[in-house]
């Protein structure tokens, strides 16, 4: 069994890391880190790829602690450069955006960029790709998402702003683990 569990859906930064560093694994996507860890513990998947830290916003969830407490073995670590984009289903400008969906880490990694826009409400989602699904389903004209360029292009959204991360050297550490 060569099944790899990771945070989904497709085109999350987890999926981008998988494609770049370990493309030979068959991906099984989960909605939450809890589900990824549970599937690994129960043998539903043989390995998992989980983000553990970001260079500009710190620890990702409590994944580092979960790995050590569960006794999971770290097989490898990967460092993925993170570039964030703002996009919408509709032709918008930054000034017309009222609501932004994204993963809490992506929101945190763009705080300085959005500091002049106190009118924008941020909605946390389980992943950056999940934010795209939520924004598309809600069909709000003044809504946008923070996500990867790959996820935005694959979902045919319109890019409003590129490279909006506060730190141009932003990166996330992912760990490949097994039981």
C-alpha atoms as a PDB file:
ATOM      1  CA  UNK A   1       0.000   0.000   0.000  1.00  0.00           C
ATOM      2  CA  UNK A   2       1.494   3.311  -1.087  1.00  0.00           C
ATOM      3  CA  UNK A   3      -1.393   5.587  -0.059  1.00  0.00           C
ATOM      4  CA  UNK A   4      -0.461   9.012   1.202  1.00  0.00           C
ATOM      5  CA  UNK A   5      -2.861  11.056   3.315  1.00  0.00           C
ATOM      6  CA  UNK A   6      -2.836  14.828   3.203  1.00  0.00           C
ATOM      7  CA  UNK A   7      -4.981  17.897   3.686  1.00  0.00           C
ATOM      8  CA  UNK A   8      -7.223  18.391   0.668  1.00  0.00           C
ATOM      9  CA  UNK A   9      -8.885  18.993  -1.648  1.00  0.00           C
ATOM     10  CA  UNK A  10      -6.598  18.970  -4.703  1.00  0.00           C
ATOM     11  CA  UNK A  11      -4.323  21.965  -5.204  1.00  0.00           C
ATOM     12  CA  UNK A  12      -3.785  22.758  -1.522  1.00  0.00           C
ATOM     13  CA  UNK A  13      -0.203  23.581  -0.617  1.00  0.00           C
ATOM     14  CA  UNK A  14      -0.037  20.009   0.745  1.00  0.00           C
ATOM     15  CA  UNK A  15      -0.912  18.712  -2.718  1.00  0.00           C
ATOM     16  CA  UNK A  16       1.609  21.049  -4.349  1.00  0.00           C
ATOM     17  CA  UNK A  17       4.306  19.749  -1.947  1.00  0.00           C
ATOM     18  CA  UNK A  18       3.323  16.144  -2.757  1.00  0.00           C
ATOM     19  CA  UNK A  19       3.572  16.774  -6.511  1.00  0.00           C
ATOM     20  CA  UNK A  20       6.957  18.473  -6.130  1.00  0.00           C
ATOM     21  CA  UNK A  21       8.682  16.186  -3.625  1.00  0.00           C
ATOM     22  CA  UNK A  22       6.942  12.776  -3.652  1.00  0.00           C
ATOM     23  CA  UNK A  23       4.824  12.509  -6.826  1.00  0.00           C
ATOM     24  CA  UNK A  24       4.945   8.705  -6.870  1.00  0.00           C
ATOM     25  CA  UNK A  25       2.499   8.459  -3.955  1.00  0.00           C
ATOM     26  CA  UNK A  26      -1.225   8.023  -4.551  1.00  0.00           C
ATOM     27  CA  UNK A  27      -2.957  10.911  -2.765  1.00  0.00           C
ATOM     28  CA  UNK A  28      -5.875  10.441  -0.401  1.00  0.00           C
ATOM     29  CA  UNK A  29      -7.318  13.807   0.609  1.00  0.00           C
ATOM     30  CA  UNK A  30      -8.854  14.646   3.980  1.00  0.00           C
ATOM     31  CA  UNK A  31     -10.703  17.752   5.167  1.00  0.00           C
ATOM     32  CA  UNK A  32      -8.880  18.159   8.480  1.00  0.00           C
ATOM     33  CA  UNK A  33      -5.577  17.277  10.110  1.00  0.00           C
ATOM     34  CA  UNK A  34      -7.544  15.218  12.658  1.00  0.00           C
ATOM     35  CA  UNK A  35      -8.788  13.010   9.827  1.00  0.00           C
ATOM     36  CA  UNK A  36      -5.265  12.632   8.373  1.00  0.00           C
ATOM     37  CA  UNK A  37      -3.792  11.544  11.723  1.00  0.00           C
ATOM     38  CA  UNK A  38      -6.714   9.209  12.458  1.00  0.00           C
ATOM     39  CA  UNK A  39      -6.413   7.540   9.029  1.00  0.00           C
ATOM     40  CA  UNK A  40      -2.687   6.986   9.582  1.00  0.00           C
ATOM     41  CA  UNK A  41      -3.290   5.613  13.078  1.00  0.00           C
ATOM     42  CA  UNK A  42      -5.986   3.227  11.762  1.00  0.00           C
ATOM     43  CA  UNK A  43      -3.963   2.009   8.778  1.00  0.00           C
ATOM     44  CA  UNK A  44      -6.271   3.531   6.151  1.00  0.00           C
ATOM     45  CA  UNK A  45      -3.157   5.201   4.700  1.00  0.00           C
ATOM     46  CA  UNK A  46       0.473   4.088   4.985  1.00  0.00           C
ATOM     47  CA  UNK A  47       2.023   7.551   5.172  1.00  0.00           C
ATOM     48  CA  UNK A  48       0.973  11.159   5.676  1.00  0.00           C
ATOM     49  CA  UNK A  49       2.327  14.502   4.547  1.00  0.00           C
ATOM     50  CA  UNK A  50       1.618  17.271   7.052  1.00  0.00           C
ATOM     51  CA  UNK A  51       2.695  20.873   7.364  1.00  0.00           C
ATOM     52  CA  UNK A  52       4.404  21.514  10.678  1.00  0.00           C
ATOM     53  CA  UNK A  53       5.669  25.104  10.487  1.00  0.00           C
ATOM     54  CA  UNK A  54       5.763  28.231   8.380  1.00  0.00           C
ATOM     55  CA  UNK A  55       8.753  30.553   8.272  1.00  0.00           C
ATOM     56  CA  UNK A  56       6.686  33.693   8.818  1.00  0.00           C
ATOM     57  CA  UNK A  57       3.697  32.577  10.876  1.00  0.00           C
ATOM     58  CA  UNK A  58       5.055  29.783  13.045  1.00  0.00           C
ATOM     59  CA  UNK A  59       3.688  26.360  13.904  1.00  0.00           C
ATOM     60  CA  UNK A  60       0.921  24.849  11.811  1.00  0.00           C
ATOM     61  CA  UNK A  61      -1.818  23.658  14.157  1.00  0.00           C
ATOM     62  CA  UNK A  62      -0.247  21.374  16.749  1.00  0.00           C
ATOM     63  CA  UNK A  63       1.048  18.928  14.136  1.00  0.00           C
ATOM     64  CA  UNK A  64       4.631  18.776  15.420  1.00  0.00           C
ATOM     65  CA  UNK A  65       3.339  17.828  18.878  1.00  0.00           C
ATOM     66  CA  UNK A  66       0.891  15.281  17.455  1.00  0.00           C
ATOM     67  CA  UNK A  67       3.659  13.559  15.513  1.00  0.00           C
ATOM     68  CA  UNK A  68       5.884  13.169  18.572  1.00  0.00           C
ATOM     69  CA  UNK A  69       3.054  12.186  20.968  1.00  0.00           C
ATOM     70  CA  UNK A  70       1.664   9.542  18.617  1.00  0.00           C
ATOM     71  CA  UNK A  71       5.041   7.935  18.043  1.00  0.00           C
ATOM     72  CA  UNK A  72       4.827   8.430  14.284  1.00  0.00           C
ATOM     73  CA  UNK A  73       8.151   8.158  12.506  1.00  0.00           C
ATOM     74  CA  UNK A  74       9.392  11.142  10.450  1.00  0.00           C
ATOM     75  CA  UNK A  75      10.728   9.805   7.149  1.00  0.00           C
ATOM     76  CA  UNK A  76      11.620  13.090   5.485  1.00  0.00           C
ATOM     77  CA  UNK A  77      11.176  16.854   5.658  1.00  0.00           C
ATOM     78  CA  UNK A  78      10.536  19.211   2.755  1.00  0.00           C
ATOM     79  CA  UNK A  79      10.645  23.001   2.513  1.00  0.00           C
ATOM     80  CA  UNK A  80       8.138  24.507   0.052  1.00  0.00           C
ATOM     81  CA  UNK A  81       8.315  28.189  -0.938  1.00  0.00           C
ATOM     82  CA  UNK A  82       4.872  29.754  -0.445  1.00  0.00           C
ATOM     83  CA  UNK A  83       3.521  32.469  -2.696  1.00  0.00           C
ATOM     84  CA  UNK A  84      -0.007  33.695  -2.113  1.00  0.00           C
ATOM     85  CA  UNK A  85      -2.459  35.186  -4.603  1.00  0.00           C
ATOM     86  CA  UNK A  86      -5.765  37.014  -4.197  1.00  0.00           C
ATOM     87  CA  UNK A  87      -8.481  36.008  -6.650  1.00  0.00           C
ATOM     88  CA  UNK A  88     -12.214  36.128  -7.210  1.00  0.00           C
ATOM     89  CA  UNK A  89     -14.883  34.470  -9.304  1.00  0.00           C
ATOM     90  CA  UNK A  90     -15.938  37.945 -10.453  1.00  0.00           C
ATOM     91  CA  UNK A  91     -13.925  40.846 -11.898  1.00  0.00           C
ATOM     92  CA  UNK A  92     -13.033  42.721  -8.721  1.00  0.00           C
ATOM     93  CA  UNK A  93     -10.460  45.165  -7.487  1.00  0.00           C
ATOM     94  CA  UNK A  94      -8.917  45.089  -4.046  1.00  0.00           C
ATOM     95  CA  UNK A  95     -11.095  48.071  -3.098  1.00  0.00           C
ATOM     96  CA  UNK A  96     -14.307  46.224  -4.024  1.00  0.00           C
ATOM     97  CA  UNK A  97     -13.588  43.139  -1.891  1.00  0.00           C
ATOM     98  CA  UNK A  98     -15.660  42.862   1.302  1.00  0.00           C
ATOM     99  CA  UNK A  99     -14.925  39.253   2.327  1.00  0.00           C
ATOM    100  CA  UNK A 100     -11.902  36.969   1.919  1.00  0.00           C
ATOM    101  CA  UNK A 101     -11.882  33.207   2.444  1.00  0.00           C
ATOM    102  CA  UNK A 102      -8.697  31.282   3.209  1.00  0.00           C
ATOM    103  CA  UNK A 103      -6.841  28.986   5.580  1.00  0.00           C
ATOM    104  CA  UNK A 104      -5.912  30.752   8.866  1.00  0.00           C
ATOM    105  CA  UNK A 105      -2.178  30.485   8.079  1.00  0.00           C
ATOM    106  CA  UNK A 106      -2.594  32.221   4.698  1.00  0.00           C
ATOM    107  CA  UNK A 107      -4.625  34.966   6.374  1.00  0.00           C
ATOM    108  CA  UNK A 108      -1.900  35.381   8.998  1.00  0.00           C
ATOM    109  CA  UNK A 109       0.832  35.446   6.322  1.00  0.00           C
ATOM    110  CA  UNK A 110      -0.856  38.410   4.549  1.00  0.00           C
ATOM    111  CA  UNK A 111      -1.764  40.620   7.541  1.00  0.00           C
ATOM    112  CA  UNK A 112       0.558  43.465   6.576  1.00  0.00           C
ATOM    113  CA  UNK A 113      -0.660  43.404   2.981  1.00  0.00           C
ATOM    114  CA  UNK A 114      -4.284  43.866   4.101  1.00  0.00           C
ATOM    115  CA  UNK A 115      -3.595  46.236   7.005  1.00  0.00           C
ATOM    116  CA  UNK A 116      -5.040  49.226   5.093  1.00  0.00           C
ATOM    117  CA  UNK A 117      -8.321  47.449   4.393  1.00  0.00           C
ATOM    118  CA  UNK A 118     -10.226  47.352   7.668  1.00  0.00           C
ATOM    119  CA  UNK A 119     -13.494  46.900   5.743  1.00  0.00           C
ATOM    120  CA  UNK A 120     -12.557  43.356   4.692  1.00  0.00           C
ATOM    121  CA  UNK A 121     -13.929  40.450   6.728  1.00  0.00           C
ATOM    122  CA  UNK A 122     -11.747  37.323   6.791  1.00  0.00           C
ATOM    123  CA  UNK A 123     -13.368  33.886   6.879  1.00  0.00           C
ATOM    124  CA  UNK A 124     -11.173  30.964   7.991  1.00  0.00           C
ATOM    125  CA  UNK A 125     -11.502  27.700   6.056  1.00  0.00           C
ATOM    126  CA  UNK A 126      -9.932  24.250   6.409  1.00  0.00           C
ATOM    127  CA  UNK A 127      -7.559  24.826   3.470  1.00  0.00           C
ATOM    128  CA  UNK A 128      -6.757  27.368   0.776  1.00  0.00           C
ATOM    129  CA  UNK A 129      -8.369  25.149  -1.857  1.00  0.00           C
ATOM    130  CA  UNK A 130     -11.370  24.660   0.414  1.00  0.00           C
ATOM    131  CA  UNK A 131     -11.658  28.452   0.500  1.00  0.00           C
ATOM    132  CA  UNK A 132     -12.081  28.440  -3.265  1.00  0.00           C
ATOM    133  CA  UNK A 133     -14.902  25.898  -3.018  1.00  0.00           C
ATOM    134  CA  UNK A 134     -16.619  27.918  -0.303  1.00  0.00           C
ATOM    135  CA  UNK A 135     -16.337  31.216  -2.187  1.00  0.00           C
ATOM    136  CA  UNK A 136     -17.616  29.641  -5.403  1.00  0.00           C
ATOM    137  CA  UNK A 137     -20.546  27.990  -3.612  1.00  0.00           C
ATOM    138  CA  UNK A 138     -21.541  31.187  -1.791  1.00  0.00           C
ATOM    139  CA  UNK A 139     -21.530  33.058  -5.105  1.00  0.00           C
ATOM    140  CA  UNK A 140     -20.832  36.442  -3.494  1.00  0.00           C
ATOM    141  CA  UNK A 141     -19.696  39.068  -5.984  1.00  0.00           C
ATOM    142  CA  UNK A 142     -17.557  40.973  -3.481  1.00  0.00           C
ATOM    143  CA  UNK A 143     -15.806  37.871  -2.096  1.00  0.00           C
ATOM    144  CA  UNK A 144     -12.264  36.726  -2.809  1.00  0.00           C
ATOM    145  CA  UNK A 145      -9.839  33.993  -1.778  1.00  0.00           C
ATOM    146  CA  UNK A 146      -6.197  33.757  -0.796  1.00  0.00           C
ATOM    147  CA  UNK A 147      -4.668  30.659  -2.373  1.00  0.00           C
ATOM    148  CA  UNK A 148      -1.886  29.327  -4.560  1.00  0.00           C
ATOM    149  CA  UNK A 149      -1.639  30.364  -8.187  1.00  0.00           C
ATOM    150  CA  UNK A 150      -2.092  26.710  -9.172  1.00  0.00           C
ATOM    151  CA  UNK A 151      -5.382  26.374  -7.257  1.00  0.00           C
ATOM    152  CA  UNK A 152      -6.672  29.677  -8.632  1.00  0.00           C
ATOM    153  CA  UNK A 153      -5.840  28.792 -12.236  1.00  0.00           C
ATOM    154  CA  UNK A 154      -7.272  25.266 -11.925  1.00  0.00           C
ATOM    155  CA  UNK A 155     -10.535  26.771 -10.681  1.00  0.00           C
ATOM    156  CA  UNK A 156     -10.613  29.456 -13.384  1.00  0.00           C
ATOM    157  CA  UNK A 157     -10.708  32.369 -10.952  1.00  0.00           C
ATOM    158  CA  UNK A 158      -9.572  35.874 -11.802  1.00  0.00           C
ATOM    159  CA  UNK A 159      -6.338  37.039 -10.158  1.00  0.00           C
ATOM    160  CA  UNK A 160      -6.643  40.385  -8.377  1.00  0.00           C
ATOM    161  CA  UNK A 161      -3.172  40.569  -6.747  1.00  0.00           C
ATOM    162  CA  UNK A 162      -0.040  38.429  -6.939  1.00  0.00           C
ATOM    163  CA  UNK A 163       2.605  37.615  -4.314  1.00  0.00           C
ATOM    164  CA  UNK A 164       0.676  39.112  -1.411  1.00  0.00           C
ATOM    165  CA  UNK A 165       2.595  37.260   1.303  1.00  0.00           C
ATOM    166  CA  UNK A 166       4.200  39.627   3.796  1.00  0.00           C
ATOM    167  CA  UNK A 167       7.545  37.816   3.613  1.00  0.00           C
ATOM    168  CA  UNK A 168       8.903  37.178   0.098  1.00  0.00           C
ATOM    169  CA  UNK A 169      10.970  34.297   1.530  1.00  0.00           C
ATOM    170  CA  UNK A 170       7.893  32.633   3.019  1.00  0.00           C
ATOM    171  CA  UNK A 171       8.100  28.823   3.161  1.00  0.00           C
ATOM    172  CA  UNK A 172       6.362  25.915   4.851  1.00  0.00           C
ATOM    173  CA  UNK A 173       7.988  22.799   6.261  1.00  0.00           C
ATOM    174  CA  UNK A 174       6.186  19.533   5.504  1.00  0.00           C
ATOM    175  CA  UNK A 175       6.957  16.210   7.150  1.00  0.00           C
ATOM    176  CA  UNK A 176       6.448  12.811   5.598  1.00  0.00           C
ATOM    177  CA  UNK A 177       5.448  10.443   8.409  1.00  0.00           C
ATOM    178  CA  UNK A 178       4.395   6.835   8.975  1.00  0.00           C
ATOM    179  CA  UNK A 179       3.103   4.791  11.869  1.00  0.00           C
END
